């Protein structure tokens, strides 16, 4: 499984690199804090795979990196995706590195 650090994600954002960010947390978690990804909870990733692109890099993100790793595995193993990256450390790592005021839990 490919992984991306929060530093690399920030660099992609700053460079204007084309990618899709999917937040696999539950809606209440997403409402509490997010980094502007599209919210598709883990349970719906395979069901809503038509919303997940195959032609550009896709970064899967959650609270700590565990659920997003699961999402990556589901997409790779069940649907043949080869362009997915797990965000190492999830939103907790993002908050620690770039946004100390971000609400984390």
PDB file of N, CA and C in Angstrom:
ATOM      1  N   UNK A   1       0.836  -1.181   0.000  1.00  0.00           N
ATOM      2  CA  UNK A   1       0.000   0.000   0.000  1.00  0.00           C
ATOM      3  C   UNK A   1       0.885   1.250   0.000  1.00  0.00           C
ATOM      4  N   UNK A   2       0.543   2.184  -0.851  1.00  0.00           N
ATOM      5  CA  UNK A   2       1.290   3.439  -0.910  1.00  0.00           C
ATOM      6  C   UNK A   2       0.820   4.357   0.215  1.00  0.00           C
ATOM      7  N   UNK A   3       1.760   5.089   0.779  1.00  0.00           N
ATOM      8  CA  UNK A   3       1.420   6.039   1.839  1.00  0.00           C
ATOM      9  C   UNK A   3       1.941   7.417   1.475  1.00  0.00           C
ATOM     10  N   UNK A   4       1.304   8.415   2.067  1.00  0.00           N
ATOM     11  CA  UNK A   4       1.672   9.805   1.849  1.00  0.00           C
ATOM     12  C   UNK A   4       1.741  10.473   3.213  1.00  0.00           C
ATOM     13  N   UNK A   5       2.772  11.247   3.466  1.00  0.00           N
ATOM     14  CA  UNK A   5       2.869  11.963   4.740  1.00  0.00           C
ATOM     15  C   UNK A   5       2.050  13.248   4.659  1.00  0.00           C
ATOM     16  N   UNK A   6       1.739  13.811   5.813  1.00  0.00           N
ATOM     17  CA  UNK A   6       0.993  15.073   5.810  1.00  0.00           C
ATOM     18  C   UNK A   6       1.823  16.177   5.162  1.00  0.00           C
ATOM     19  N   UNK A   7       3.132  16.117   5.300  1.00  0.00           N
ATOM     20  CA  UNK A   7       4.005  17.108   4.662  1.00  0.00           C
ATOM     21  C   UNK A   7       3.897  17.004   3.143  1.00  0.00           C
ATOM     22  N   UNK A   8       3.887  15.768   2.645  1.00  0.00           N
ATOM     23  CA  UNK A   8       3.741  15.574   1.193  1.00  0.00           C
ATOM     24  C   UNK A   8       2.371  16.041   0.716  1.00  0.00           C
ATOM     25  N   UNK A   9       1.321  15.766   1.492  1.00  0.00           N
ATOM     26  CA  UNK A   9      -0.020  16.228   1.115  1.00  0.00           C
ATOM     27  C   UNK A   9      -0.080  17.746   1.067  1.00  0.00           C
ATOM     28  N   UNK A  10       0.493  18.393   2.055  1.00  0.00           N
ATOM     29  CA  UNK A  10       0.515  19.861   2.068  1.00  0.00           C
ATOM     30  C   UNK A  10       1.246  20.384   0.833  1.00  0.00           C
ATOM     31  N   UNK A  11       2.346  19.738   0.481  1.00  0.00           N
ATOM     32  CA  UNK A  11       3.101  20.138  -0.706  1.00  0.00           C
ATOM     33  C   UNK A  11       2.253  19.965  -1.967  1.00  0.00           C
ATOM     34  N   UNK A  12       1.529  18.862  -2.072  1.00  0.00           N
ATOM     35  CA  UNK A  12       0.641  18.647  -3.224  1.00  0.00           C
ATOM     36  C   UNK A  12      -0.371  19.779  -3.302  1.00  0.00           C
ATOM     37  N   UNK A  13      -0.959  20.151  -2.165  1.00  0.00           N
ATOM     38  CA  UNK A  13      -1.956  21.226  -2.141  1.00  0.00           C
ATOM     39  C   UNK A  13      -1.331  22.543  -2.610  1.00  0.00           C
ATOM     40  N   UNK A  14      -0.160  22.862  -2.063  1.00  0.00           N
ATOM     41  CA  UNK A  14       0.507  24.124  -2.397  1.00  0.00           C
ATOM     42  C   UNK A  14       0.919  24.185  -3.861  1.00  0.00           C
ATOM     43  N   UNK A  15       1.312  23.048  -4.420  1.00  0.00           N
ATOM     44  CA  UNK A  15       1.730  22.992  -5.822  1.00  0.00           C
ATOM     45  C   UNK A  15       0.543  23.010  -6.780  1.00  0.00           C
ATOM     46  N   UNK A  16      -0.654  22.787  -6.258  1.00  0.00           N
ATOM     47  CA  UNK A  16      -1.827  22.703  -7.117  1.00  0.00           C
ATOM     48  C   UNK A  16      -1.917  21.383  -7.857  1.00  0.00           C
ATOM     49  N   UNK A  17      -1.251  20.360  -7.330  1.00  0.00           N
ATOM     50  CA  UNK A  17      -1.297  19.033  -7.953  1.00  0.00           C
ATOM     51  C   UNK A  17      -2.741  18.538  -7.971  1.00  0.00           C
ATOM     52  N   UNK A  18      -3.118  17.903  -9.062  1.00  0.00           N
ATOM     53  CA  UNK A  18      -4.474  17.364  -9.149  1.00  0.00           C
ATOM     54  C   UNK A  18      -4.528  16.030  -8.415  1.00  0.00           C
ATOM     55  N   UNK A  19      -5.410  15.947  -7.424  1.00  0.00           N
ATOM     56  CA  UNK A  19      -5.634  14.717  -6.683  1.00  0.00           C
ATOM     57  C   UNK A  19      -7.003  14.806  -6.039  1.00  0.00           C
ATOM     58  N   UNK A  20      -7.475  13.670  -5.558  1.00  0.00           N
ATOM     59  CA  UNK A  20      -8.751  13.622  -4.857  1.00  0.00           C
ATOM     60  C   UNK A  20      -8.469  13.201  -3.417  1.00  0.00           C
ATOM     61  N   UNK A  21      -9.066  13.918  -2.470  1.00  0.00           N
ATOM     62  CA  UNK A  21      -8.913  13.606  -1.048  1.00  0.00           C
ATOM     63  C   UNK A  21     -10.245  13.068  -0.540  1.00  0.00           C
ATOM     64  N   UNK A  22     -10.221  11.855  -0.024  1.00  0.00           N
ATOM     65  CA  UNK A  22     -11.422  11.213   0.508  1.00  0.00           C
ATOM     66  C   UNK A  22     -11.234  11.019   2.016  1.00  0.00           C
ATOM     67  N   UNK A  23     -12.171  11.552   2.785  1.00  0.00           N
ATOM     68  CA  UNK A  23     -12.176  11.424   4.244  1.00  0.00           C
ATOM     69  C   UNK A  23     -13.150  10.302   4.586  1.00  0.00           C
ATOM     70  N   UNK A  24     -12.635   9.191   5.139  1.00  0.00           N
ATOM     71  CA  UNK A  24     -13.470   8.015   5.376  1.00  0.00           C
ATOM     72  C   UNK A  24     -14.046   7.964   6.797  1.00  0.00           C
ATOM     73  N   UNK A  25     -13.945   9.076   7.527  1.00  0.00           N
ATOM     74  CA  UNK A  25     -14.532   9.112   8.865  1.00  0.00           C
ATOM     75  C   UNK A  25     -16.051   9.285   8.771  1.00  0.00           C
ATOM     76  N   UNK A  26     -16.705   9.138   9.900  1.00  0.00           N
ATOM     77  CA  UNK A  26     -18.155   9.314   9.958  1.00  0.00           C
ATOM     78  C   UNK A  26     -18.497  10.805   9.820  1.00  0.00           C
ATOM     79  N   UNK A  27     -19.708  11.125   9.352  1.00  0.00           N
ATOM     80  CA  UNK A  27     -20.079  12.534   9.161  1.00  0.00           C
ATOM     81  C   UNK A  27     -19.897  13.412  10.400  1.00  0.00           C
ATOM     82  N   UNK A  28     -20.191  12.901  11.592  1.00  0.00           N
ATOM     83  CA  UNK A  28     -20.027  13.733  12.791  1.00  0.00           C
ATOM     84  C   UNK A  28     -18.560  14.064  13.045  1.00  0.00           C
ATOM     85  N   UNK A  29     -17.658  13.157  12.677  1.00  0.00           N
ATOM     86  CA  UNK A  29     -16.225  13.427  12.823  1.00  0.00           C
ATOM     87  C   UNK A  29     -15.789  14.477  11.804  1.00  0.00           C
ATOM     88  N   UNK A  30     -16.287  14.329  10.585  1.00  0.00           N
ATOM     89  CA  UNK A  30     -15.957  15.256   9.508  1.00  0.00           C
ATOM     90  C   UNK A  30     -16.417  16.668   9.855  1.00  0.00           C
ATOM     91  N   UNK A  31     -17.624  16.787  10.436  1.00  0.00           N
ATOM     92  CA  UNK A  31     -18.150  18.103  10.814  1.00  0.00           C
ATOM     93  C   UNK A  31     -17.310  18.755  11.907  1.00  0.00           C
ATOM     94  N   UNK A  32     -16.716  17.949  12.769  1.00  0.00           N
ATOM     95  CA  UNK A  32     -15.902  18.471  13.858  1.00  0.00           C
ATOM     96  C   UNK A  32     -14.609  19.114  13.323  1.00  0.00           C
ATOM     97  N   UNK A  33     -13.967  18.454  12.382  1.00  0.00           N
ATOM     98  CA  UNK A  33     -12.724  18.965  11.793  1.00  0.00           C
ATOM     99  C   UNK A  33     -12.467  18.212  10.497  1.00  0.00           C
ATOM    100  N   UNK A  34     -11.992  18.950   9.504  1.00  0.00           N
ATOM    101  CA  UNK A  34     -11.651  18.303   8.235  1.00  0.00           C
ATOM    102  C   UNK A  34     -10.623  19.133   7.484  1.00  0.00           C
ATOM    103  N   UNK A  35     -10.012  18.510   6.489  1.00  0.00           N
ATOM    104  CA  UNK A  35      -9.028  19.214   5.657  1.00  0.00           C
ATOM    105  C   UNK A  35      -9.518  19.260   4.205  1.00  0.00           C
ATOM    106  N   UNK A  36     -10.840  19.437   4.082  1.00  0.00           N
ATOM    107  CA  UNK A  36     -11.495  19.708   2.809  1.00  0.00           C
ATOM    108  C   UNK A  36     -11.535  18.536   1.844  1.00  0.00           C
ATOM    109  N   UNK A  37     -11.533  17.327   2.372  1.00  0.00           N
ATOM    110  CA  UNK A  37     -11.730  16.171   1.511  1.00  0.00           C
ATOM    111  C   UNK A  37     -13.207  15.896   1.330  1.00  0.00           C
ATOM    112  N   UNK A  38     -13.519  14.985   0.448  1.00  0.00           N
ATOM    113  CA  UNK A  38     -14.900  14.548   0.256  1.00  0.00           C
ATOM    114  C   UNK A  38     -15.193  13.465   1.284  1.00  0.00           C
ATOM    115  N   UNK A  39     -16.296  13.566   1.990  1.00  0.00           N
ATOM    116  CA  UNK A  39     -16.621  12.622   3.060  1.00  0.00           C
ATOM    117  C   UNK A  39     -17.385  11.419   2.504  1.00  0.00           C
ATOM    118  N   UNK A  40     -16.698  10.263   2.493  1.00  0.00           N
ATOM    119  CA  UNK A  40     -17.318   8.982   2.158  1.00  0.00           C
ATOM    120  C   UNK A  40     -16.930   8.028   3.282  1.00  0.00           C
ATOM    121  N   UNK A  41     -17.810   7.801   4.259  1.00  0.00           N
ATOM    122  CA  UNK A  41     -17.463   6.919   5.378  1.00  0.00           C
ATOM    123  C   UNK A  41     -16.986   5.544   4.913  1.00  0.00           C
ATOM    124  N   UNK A  42     -16.101   4.945   5.694  1.00  0.00           N
ATOM    125  CA  UNK A  42     -15.487   3.667   5.335  1.00  0.00           C
ATOM    126  C   UNK A  42     -16.498   2.626   4.873  1.00  0.00           C
ATOM    127  N   UNK A  43     -17.614   2.508   5.566  1.00  0.00           N
ATOM    128  CA  UNK A  43     -18.619   1.503   5.216  1.00  0.00           C
ATOM    129  C   UNK A  43     -19.180   1.711   3.811  1.00  0.00           C
ATOM    130  N   UNK A  44     -19.064   2.914   3.264  1.00  0.00           N
ATOM    131  CA  UNK A  44     -19.612   3.202   1.943  1.00  0.00           C
ATOM    132  C   UNK A  44     -18.596   3.277   0.827  1.00  0.00           C
ATOM    133  N   UNK A  45     -17.330   3.025   1.127  1.00  0.00           N
ATOM    134  CA  UNK A  45     -16.278   3.208   0.115  1.00  0.00           C
ATOM    135  C   UNK A  45     -16.497   2.326  -1.107  1.00  0.00           C
ATOM    136  N   UNK A  46     -16.777   1.055  -0.915  1.00  0.00           N
ATOM    137  CA  UNK A  46     -16.978   0.163  -2.062  1.00  0.00           C
ATOM    138  C   UNK A  46     -18.303   0.489  -2.751  1.00  0.00           C
ATOM    139  N   UNK A  47     -19.335   0.742  -1.961  1.00  0.00           N
ATOM    140  CA  UNK A  47     -20.666   1.055  -2.508  1.00  0.00           C
ATOM    141  C   UNK A  47     -20.625   2.337  -3.338  1.00  0.00           C
ATOM    142  N   UNK A  48     -19.855   3.325  -2.875  1.00  0.00           N
ATOM    143  CA  UNK A  48     -19.794   4.620  -3.556  1.00  0.00           C
ATOM    144  C   UNK A  48     -18.504   4.783  -4.370  1.00  0.00           C
ATOM    145  N   UNK A  49     -17.936   3.681  -4.793  1.00  0.00           N
ATOM    146  CA  UNK A  49     -16.675   3.726  -5.539  1.00  0.00           C
ATOM    147  C   UNK A  49     -16.778   4.532  -6.829  1.00  0.00           C
ATOM    148  N   UNK A  50     -17.985   4.686  -7.363  1.00  0.00           N
ATOM    149  CA  UNK A  50     -18.142   5.477  -8.584  1.00  0.00           C
ATOM    150  C   UNK A  50     -17.778   6.947  -8.360  1.00  0.00           C
ATOM    151  N   UNK A  51     -17.701   7.385  -7.108  1.00  0.00           N
ATOM    152  CA  UNK A  51     -17.298   8.761  -6.780  1.00  0.00           C
ATOM    153  C   UNK A  51     -15.784   8.897  -6.634  1.00  0.00           C
ATOM    154  N   UNK A  52     -15.079   7.763  -6.642  1.00  0.00           N
ATOM    155  CA  UNK A  52     -13.634   7.759  -6.411  1.00  0.00           C
ATOM    156  C   UNK A  52     -12.924   7.562  -7.741  1.00  0.00           C
ATOM    157  N   UNK A  53     -12.102   8.534  -8.097  1.00  0.00           N
ATOM    158  CA  UNK A  53     -11.475   8.552  -9.418  1.00  0.00           C
ATOM    159  C   UNK A  53     -10.365   7.518  -9.546  1.00  0.00           C
ATOM    160  N   UNK A  54     -10.137   7.090 -10.766  1.00  0.00           N
ATOM    161  CA  UNK A  54      -9.054   6.155 -11.064  1.00  0.00           C
ATOM    162  C   UNK A  54      -7.965   6.800 -11.907  1.00  0.00           C
ATOM    163  N   UNK A  55      -8.220   8.035 -12.367  1.00  0.00           N
ATOM    164  CA  UNK A  55      -7.309   8.668 -13.320  1.00  0.00           C
ATOM    165  C   UNK A  55      -6.339   9.663 -12.686  1.00  0.00           C
ATOM    166  N   UNK A  56      -6.475   9.921 -11.395  1.00  0.00           N
ATOM    167  CA  UNK A  56      -5.561  10.815 -10.672  1.00  0.00           C
ATOM    168  C   UNK A  56      -5.274  10.183  -9.310  1.00  0.00           C
ATOM    169  N   UNK A  57      -4.226  10.636  -8.618  1.00  0.00           N
ATOM    170  CA  UNK A  57      -3.975  10.102  -7.278  1.00  0.00           C
ATOM    171  C   UNK A  57      -5.150  10.376  -6.345  1.00  0.00           C
ATOM    172  N   UNK A  58      -5.461   9.404  -5.501  1.00  0.00           N
ATOM    173  CA  UNK A  58      -6.529   9.523  -4.515  1.00  0.00           C
ATOM    174  C   UNK A  58      -5.911   9.285  -3.139  1.00  0.00           C
ATOM    175  N   UNK A  59      -6.074  10.267  -2.259  1.00  0.00           N
ATOM    176  CA  UNK A  59      -5.549  10.163  -0.899  1.00  0.00           C
ATOM    177  C   UNK A  59      -6.717   9.843   0.025  1.00  0.00           C
ATOM    178  N   UNK A  60      -6.599   8.726   0.735  1.00  0.00           N
ATOM    179  CA  UNK A  60      -7.614   8.310   1.695  1.00  0.00           C
ATOM    180  C   UNK A  60      -7.157   8.776   3.074  1.00  0.00           C
ATOM    181  N   UNK A  61      -8.083   9.388   3.830  1.00  0.00           N
ATOM    182  CA  UNK A  61      -7.727  10.002   5.108  1.00  0.00           C
ATOM    183  C   UNK A  61      -8.768   9.683   6.169  1.00  0.00           C
ATOM    184  N   UNK A  62      -8.304   9.491   7.406  1.00  0.00           N
ATOM    185  CA  UNK A  62      -9.215   9.284   8.539  1.00  0.00           C
ATOM    186  C   UNK A  62      -8.608   9.975   9.770  1.00  0.00           C
ATOM    187  N   UNK A  63      -8.933   9.495  10.938  1.00  0.00           N
ATOM    188  CA  UNK A  63      -8.419  10.112  12.167  1.00  0.00           C
ATOM    189  C   UNK A  63      -6.928   9.825  12.351  1.00  0.00           C
ATOM    190  N   UNK A  64      -6.539   8.545  12.247  1.00  0.00           N
ATOM    191  CA  UNK A  64      -5.164   8.169  12.555  1.00  0.00           C
ATOM    192  C   UNK A  64      -4.444   7.426  11.437  1.00  0.00           C
ATOM    193  N   UNK A  65      -5.167   7.005  10.430  1.00  0.00           N
ATOM    194  CA  UNK A  65      -4.570   6.266   9.322  1.00  0.00           C
ATOM    195  C   UNK A  65      -5.006   4.813   9.238  1.00  0.00           C
ATOM    196  N   UNK A  66      -5.715   4.316  10.246  1.00  0.00           N
ATOM    197  CA  UNK A  66      -6.131   2.908  10.246  1.00  0.00           C
ATOM    198  C   UNK A  66      -7.314   2.652   9.317  1.00  0.00           C
ATOM    199  N   UNK A  67      -8.382   3.429   9.449  1.00  0.00           N
ATOM    200  CA  UNK A  67      -9.551   3.234   8.588  1.00  0.00           C
ATOM    201  C   UNK A  67      -9.218   3.548   7.133  1.00  0.00           C
ATOM    202  N   UNK A  68      -8.401   4.571   6.920  1.00  0.00           N
ATOM    203  CA  UNK A  68      -8.045   4.908   5.541  1.00  0.00           C
ATOM    204  C   UNK A  68      -7.178   3.813   4.917  1.00  0.00           C
ATOM    205  N   UNK A  69      -6.348   3.147   5.717  1.00  0.00           N
ATOM    206  CA  UNK A  69      -5.572   2.008   5.208  1.00  0.00           C
ATOM    207  C   UNK A  69      -6.521   0.888   4.799  1.00  0.00           C
ATOM    208  N   UNK A  70      -7.544   0.666   5.597  1.00  0.00           N
ATOM    209  CA  UNK A  70      -8.563  -0.338   5.287  1.00  0.00           C
ATOM    210  C   UNK A  70      -9.259   0.030   3.980  1.00  0.00           C
ATOM    211  N   UNK A  71      -9.603   1.306   3.817  1.00  0.00           N
ATOM    212  CA  UNK A  71     -10.260   1.762   2.589  1.00  0.00           C
ATOM    213  C   UNK A  71      -9.366   1.528   1.371  1.00  0.00           C
ATOM    214  N   UNK A  72      -8.091   1.846   1.498  1.00  0.00           N
ATOM    215  CA  UNK A  72      -7.147   1.617   0.397  1.00  0.00           C
ATOM    216  C   UNK A  72      -7.119   0.135   0.024  1.00  0.00           C
ATOM    217  N   UNK A  73      -7.032  -0.723   1.044  1.00  0.00           N
ATOM    218  CA  UNK A  73      -6.981  -2.160   0.795  1.00  0.00           C
ATOM    219  C   UNK A  73      -8.245  -2.641   0.083  1.00  0.00           C
ATOM    220  N   UNK A  74      -9.404  -2.151   0.514  1.00  0.00           N
ATOM    221  CA  UNK A  74     -10.657  -2.547  -0.133  1.00  0.00           C
ATOM    222  C   UNK A  74     -10.668  -2.145  -1.607  1.00  0.00           C
ATOM    223  N   UNK A  75     -10.247  -0.926  -1.882  1.00  0.00           N
ATOM    224  CA  UNK A  75     -10.252  -0.439  -3.265  1.00  0.00           C
ATOM    225  C   UNK A  75      -9.244  -1.196  -4.123  1.00  0.00           C
ATOM    226  N   UNK A  76      -8.065  -1.460  -3.572  1.00  0.00           N
ATOM    227  CA  UNK A  76      -7.032  -2.172  -4.327  1.00  0.00           C
ATOM    228  C   UNK A  76      -7.422  -3.635  -4.562  1.00  0.00           C
ATOM    229  N   UNK A  77      -7.842  -4.308  -3.507  1.00  0.00           N
ATOM    230  CA  UNK A  77      -8.101  -5.744  -3.596  1.00  0.00           C
ATOM    231  C   UNK A  77      -9.418  -6.083  -4.285  1.00  0.00           C
ATOM    232  N   UNK A  78     -10.459  -5.302  -4.023  1.00  0.00           N
ATOM    233  CA  UNK A  78     -11.781  -5.636  -4.555  1.00  0.00           C
ATOM    234  C   UNK A  78     -12.103  -4.971  -5.885  1.00  0.00           C
ATOM    235  N   UNK A  79     -11.513  -3.799  -6.140  1.00  0.00           N
ATOM    236  CA  UNK A  79     -11.906  -3.043  -7.323  1.00  0.00           C
ATOM    237  C   UNK A  79     -10.748  -2.691  -8.251  1.00  0.00           C
ATOM    238  N   UNK A  80      -9.542  -3.148  -7.923  1.00  0.00           N
ATOM    239  CA  UNK A  80      -8.406  -2.969  -8.820  1.00  0.00           C
ATOM    240  C   UNK A  80      -7.799  -1.575  -8.880  1.00  0.00           C
ATOM    241  N   UNK A  81      -8.064  -0.739  -7.889  1.00  0.00           N
ATOM    242  CA  UNK A  81      -7.464   0.601  -7.870  1.00  0.00           C
ATOM    243  C   UNK A  81      -5.946   0.471  -7.688  1.00  0.00           C
ATOM    244  N   UNK A  82      -5.204   1.320  -8.404  1.00  0.00           N
ATOM    245  CA  UNK A  82      -3.742   1.332  -8.271  1.00  0.00           C
ATOM    246  C   UNK A  82      -3.229   2.727  -7.921  1.00  0.00           C
ATOM    247  N   UNK A  83      -4.134   3.669  -7.723  1.00  0.00           N
ATOM    248  CA  UNK A  83      -3.770   5.077  -7.553  1.00  0.00           C
ATOM    249  C   UNK A  83      -4.111   5.623  -6.170  1.00  0.00           C
ATOM    250  N   UNK A  84      -4.307   4.745  -5.167  1.00  0.00           N
ATOM    251  CA  UNK A  84      -4.718   5.211  -3.843  1.00  0.00           C
ATOM    252  C   UNK A  84      -3.536   5.267  -2.878  1.00  0.00           C
ATOM    253  N   UNK A  85      -3.570   6.290  -2.040  1.00  0.00           N
ATOM    254  CA  UNK A  85      -2.531   6.524  -1.030  1.00  0.00           C
ATOM    255  C   UNK A  85      -3.212   6.655   0.332  1.00  0.00           C
ATOM    256  N   UNK A  86      -2.595   6.075   1.345  1.00  0.00           N
ATOM    257  CA  UNK A  86      -3.065   6.238   2.714  1.00  0.00           C
ATOM    258  C   UNK A  86      -2.331   7.419   3.342  1.00  0.00           C
ATOM    259  N   UNK A  87      -3.077   8.343   3.947  1.00  0.00           N
ATOM    260  CA  UNK A  87      -2.454   9.480   4.631  1.00  0.00           C
ATOM    261  C   UNK A  87      -1.955   9.010   5.992  1.00  0.00           C
ATOM    262  N   UNK A  88      -0.635   8.942   6.144  1.00  0.00           N
ATOM    263  CA  UNK A  88      -0.022   8.463   7.392  1.00  0.00           C
ATOM    264  C   UNK A  88      -0.373   9.388   8.557  1.00  0.00           C
ATOM    265  N   UNK A  89      -0.929   8.803   9.607  1.00  0.00           N
ATOM    266  CA  UNK A  89      -1.254   9.576  10.803  1.00  0.00           C
ATOM    267  C   UNK A  89      -2.563  10.317  10.750  1.00  0.00           C
ATOM    268  N   UNK A  90      -3.201  10.357   9.581  1.00  0.00           N
ATOM    269  CA  UNK A  90      -4.508  10.969   9.429  1.00  0.00           C
ATOM    270  C   UNK A  90      -4.588  12.422   9.874  1.00  0.00           C
ATOM    271  N   UNK A  91      -5.793  12.818  10.268  1.00  0.00           N
ATOM    272  CA  UNK A  91      -6.026  14.214  10.632  1.00  0.00           C
ATOM    273  C   UNK A  91      -5.296  14.582  11.920  1.00  0.00           C
ATOM    274  N   UNK A  92      -5.011  13.577  12.760  1.00  0.00           N
ATOM    275  CA  UNK A  92      -4.253  13.858  13.982  1.00  0.00           C
ATOM    276  C   UNK A  92      -2.842  14.340  13.631  1.00  0.00           C
ATOM    277  N   UNK A  93      -2.219  13.713  12.651  1.00  0.00           N
ATOM    278  CA  UNK A  93      -0.887  14.129  12.213  1.00  0.00           C
ATOM    279  C   UNK A  93      -0.945  15.513  11.566  1.00  0.00           C
ATOM    280  N   UNK A  94      -1.995  15.757  10.764  1.00  0.00           N
ATOM    281  CA  UNK A  94      -2.153  17.073  10.127  1.00  0.00           C
ATOM    282  C   UNK A  94      -2.261  18.164  11.189  1.00  0.00           C
ATOM    283  N   UNK A  95      -3.111  17.938  12.195  1.00  0.00           N
ATOM    284  CA  UNK A  95      -3.305  18.926  13.255  1.00  0.00           C
ATOM    285  C   UNK A  95      -2.004  19.162  14.028  1.00  0.00           C
ATOM    286  N   UNK A  96      -1.291  18.095  14.335  1.00  0.00           N
ATOM    287  CA  UNK A  96      -0.039  18.224  15.086  1.00  0.00           C
ATOM    288  C   UNK A  96       1.013  18.987  14.294  1.00  0.00           C
ATOM    289  N   UNK A  97       1.042  18.766  12.988  1.00  0.00           N
ATOM    290  CA  UNK A  97       2.072  19.375  12.145  1.00  0.00           C
ATOM    291  C   UNK A  97       1.732  20.795  11.697  1.00  0.00           C
ATOM    292  N   UNK A  98       0.451  21.039  11.360  1.00  0.00           N
ATOM    293  CA  UNK A  98       0.109  22.294  10.695  1.00  0.00           C
ATOM    294  C   UNK A  98      -0.981  23.134  11.349  1.00  0.00           C
ATOM    295  N   UNK A  99      -1.791  22.573  12.230  1.00  0.00           N
ATOM    296  CA  UNK A  99      -2.932  23.319  12.745  1.00  0.00           C
ATOM    297  C   UNK A  99      -3.236  22.928  14.198  1.00  0.00           C
ATOM    298  N   UNK A 100      -2.494  23.507  15.128  1.00  0.00           N
ATOM    299  CA  UNK A 100      -2.662  23.192  16.533  1.00  0.00           C
ATOM    300  C   UNK A 100      -4.036  23.569  17.064  1.00  0.00           C
ATOM    301  N   UNK A 101      -4.744  24.445  16.375  1.00  0.00           N
ATOM    302  CA  UNK A 101      -6.065  24.881  16.819  1.00  0.00           C
ATOM    303  C   UNK A 101      -7.172  23.943  16.316  1.00  0.00           C
ATOM    304  N   UNK A 102      -6.832  23.012  15.445  1.00  0.00           N
ATOM    305  CA  UNK A 102      -7.825  22.091  14.891  1.00  0.00           C
ATOM    306  C   UNK A 102      -8.356  21.186  16.009  1.00  0.00           C
ATOM    307  N   UNK A 103      -9.667  21.013  16.022  1.00  0.00           N
ATOM    308  CA  UNK A 103     -10.286  20.149  17.027  1.00  0.00           C
ATOM    309  C   UNK A 103     -10.054  18.686  16.658  1.00  0.00           C
ATOM    310  N   UNK A 104      -9.331  17.989  17.527  1.00  0.00           N
ATOM    311  CA  UNK A 104      -9.129  16.547  17.341  1.00  0.00           C
ATOM    312  C   UNK A 104      -9.633  15.829  18.582  1.00  0.00           C
ATOM    313  N   UNK A 105      -9.801  14.553  18.491  1.00  0.00           N
ATOM    314  CA  UNK A 105     -10.444  13.797  19.565  1.00  0.00           C
ATOM    315  C   UNK A 105      -9.716  12.506  19.801  1.00  0.00           C
TER     316      UNK A 105
END
